[in-house]
Amino acid sequence: MPEIEFLLGLYVYFSSRDEGEPLHVHVAPKALVGSSKTAKLWIREDGSSQLAYNRAGIPDRKIKAIQELIKKIDYSKKQ
């Protein structure tokens, strides 16, 4: 089961189907969790993140806010 956080009304989760890819999380509203219509954020070693894509249409301000929260949670240590 992927680890899931609920931040700013969006689910932030790891997917078990993404083997072989660098560390990242998917971000999506509940209705899109598990679909290809998510935002993907690559997690850097320093805990910051970079937007790979946003197929969920999440507003930029929410993506930026999620990125700030991701840095505080530091998913890079959850490998």
C-alpha atoms as a PDB file:
ATOM      1  CA  MET A   1       0.000   0.000   0.000  1.00  0.00           C
ATOM      2  CA  PRO A   2       1.487   3.368  -0.936  1.00  0.00           C
ATOM      3  CA  GLU A   3       2.052   5.904   1.796  1.00  0.00           C
ATOM      4  CA  ILE A   4      -0.471   8.723   1.522  1.00  0.00           C
ATOM      5  CA  GLU A   5      -0.556  12.243   2.946  1.00  0.00           C
ATOM      6  CA  PHE A   6      -3.535  14.578   2.654  1.00  0.00           C
ATOM      7  CA  LEU A   7      -2.258  18.138   2.124  1.00  0.00           C
ATOM      8  CA  LEU A   8      -4.291  21.205   1.137  1.00  0.00           C
ATOM      9  CA  GLY A   9      -7.192  19.038  -0.021  1.00  0.00           C
ATOM     10  CA  LEU A  10      -4.979  16.876  -2.245  1.00  0.00           C
ATOM     11  CA  TYR A  11      -3.540  13.397  -1.840  1.00  0.00           C
ATOM     12  CA  VAL A  12       0.257  13.105  -1.978  1.00  0.00           C
ATOM     13  CA  TYR A  13       1.390   9.512  -2.428  1.00  0.00           C
ATOM     14  CA  PHE A  14       4.018   7.082  -3.647  1.00  0.00           C
ATOM     15  CA  SER A  15       2.951   4.526  -6.235  1.00  0.00           C
ATOM     16  CA  SER A  16       4.160   0.938  -6.142  1.00  0.00           C
ATOM     17  CA  ARG A  17       3.941   0.794  -9.956  1.00  0.00           C
ATOM     18  CA  ASP A  18       6.833   3.242 -10.425  1.00  0.00           C
ATOM     19  CA  GLU A  19       9.765   0.891  -9.852  1.00  0.00           C
ATOM     20  CA  GLY A  20      13.030   1.985 -11.403  1.00  0.00           C
ATOM     21  CA  GLU A  21      12.189   5.695 -11.389  1.00  0.00           C
ATOM     22  CA  PRO A  22      13.899   8.292  -9.183  1.00  0.00           C
ATOM     23  CA  LEU A  23      12.153   9.153  -5.922  1.00  0.00           C
ATOM     24  CA  HIS A  24       8.937  11.094  -6.548  1.00  0.00           C
ATOM     25  CA  VAL A  25       5.384  11.576  -5.334  1.00  0.00           C
ATOM     26  CA  HIS A  26       2.110  11.935  -7.157  1.00  0.00           C
ATOM     27  CA  VAL A  27      -0.380  14.639  -6.195  1.00  0.00           C
ATOM     28  CA  ALA A  28      -4.069  14.421  -7.073  1.00  0.00           C
ATOM     29  CA  PRO A  29      -7.575  15.124  -5.861  1.00  0.00           C
ATOM     30  CA  LYS A  30      -9.347  12.015  -4.516  1.00  0.00           C
ATOM     31  CA  ALA A  31     -11.210  11.323  -7.773  1.00  0.00           C
ATOM     32  CA  LEU A  32      -7.922  11.081  -9.733  1.00  0.00           C
ATOM     33  CA  VAL A  33      -5.779   9.069  -7.277  1.00  0.00           C
ATOM     34  CA  GLY A  34      -4.251   6.112  -9.101  1.00  0.00           C
ATOM     35  CA  SER A  35      -4.964   7.505 -12.569  1.00  0.00           C
ATOM     36  CA  SER A  36      -2.530   9.028 -15.050  1.00  0.00           C
ATOM     37  CA  LYS A  37      -4.085  12.456 -14.394  1.00  0.00           C
ATOM     38  CA  THR A  38      -1.848  13.457 -11.518  1.00  0.00           C
ATOM     39  CA  ALA A  39       0.937  15.899 -10.861  1.00  0.00           C
ATOM     40  CA  LYS A  40       4.362  14.284 -10.412  1.00  0.00           C
ATOM     41  CA  LEU A  41       7.019  15.875  -8.237  1.00  0.00           C
ATOM     42  CA  TRP A  42      10.615  14.595  -8.306  1.00  0.00           C
ATOM     43  CA  ILE A  43      12.149  14.647  -4.811  1.00  0.00           C
ATOM     44  CA  ARG A  44      15.721  15.936  -4.661  1.00  0.00           C
ATOM     45  CA  GLU A  45      18.343  14.850  -2.143  1.00  0.00           C
ATOM     46  CA  ASP A  46      17.974  18.145  -0.248  1.00  0.00           C
ATOM     47  CA  GLY A  47      14.233  17.468   0.264  1.00  0.00           C
ATOM     48  CA  SER A  48      13.077  20.038  -2.283  1.00  0.00           C
ATOM     49  CA  SER A  49      10.999  18.972  -5.294  1.00  0.00           C
ATOM     50  CA  GLN A  50      10.679  19.701  -8.989  1.00  0.00           C
ATOM     51  CA  LEU A  51       7.441  19.491 -10.940  1.00  0.00           C
ATOM     52  CA  ALA A  52       7.742  16.827 -13.652  1.00  0.00           C
ATOM     53  CA  TYR A  53       4.191  17.333 -14.961  1.00  0.00           C
ATOM     54  CA  ASN A  54       0.733  18.439 -13.893  1.00  0.00           C
ATOM     55  CA  ARG A  55      -1.890  16.391 -15.734  1.00  0.00           C
ATOM     56  CA  ALA A  56      -4.396  16.967 -12.925  1.00  0.00           C
ATOM     57  CA  GLY A  57      -4.702  20.692 -13.631  1.00  0.00           C
ATOM     58  CA  ILE A  58      -3.792  21.611 -10.056  1.00  0.00           C
ATOM     59  CA  PRO A  59      -3.377  25.406  -9.783  1.00  0.00           C
ATOM     60  CA  ASP A  60       0.255  26.624  -9.640  1.00  0.00           C
ATOM     61  CA  ARG A  61      -0.265  28.222  -6.225  1.00  0.00           C
ATOM     62  CA  LYS A  62      -1.331  24.839  -4.782  1.00  0.00           C
ATOM     63  CA  ILE A  63       1.617  23.056  -6.426  1.00  0.00           C
ATOM     64  CA  LYS A  64       3.996  25.611  -4.897  1.00  0.00           C
ATOM     65  CA  ALA A  65       2.335  25.235  -1.486  1.00  0.00           C
ATOM     66  CA  ILE A  66       2.570  21.423  -1.719  1.00  0.00           C
ATOM     67  CA  GLN A  67       6.254  21.753  -2.651  1.00  0.00           C
ATOM     68  CA  GLU A  68       6.851  23.843   0.470  1.00  0.00           C
ATOM     69  CA  LEU A  69       5.109  21.226   2.617  1.00  0.00           C
ATOM     70  CA  ILE A  70       7.059  18.407   0.933  1.00  0.00           C
ATOM     71  CA  LYS A  71      10.308  20.149   1.854  1.00  0.00           C
ATOM     72  CA  LYS A  72       9.179  20.348   5.494  1.00  0.00           C
ATOM     73  CA  ILE A  73       8.172  16.661   5.532  1.00  0.00           C
ATOM     74  CA  ASP A  74      11.411  15.765   3.666  1.00  0.00           C
ATOM     75  CA  TYR A  75      10.303  12.763   1.648  1.00  0.00           C
ATOM     76  CA  SER A  76      13.929  12.236   0.616  1.00  0.00           C
ATOM     77  CA  LYS A  77      14.415  10.536   4.007  1.00  0.00           C
ATOM     78  CA  LYS A  78      11.465   8.154   3.442  1.00  0.00           C
ATOM     79  CA  GLN A  79      13.203   6.009   0.808  1.00  0.00           C
END
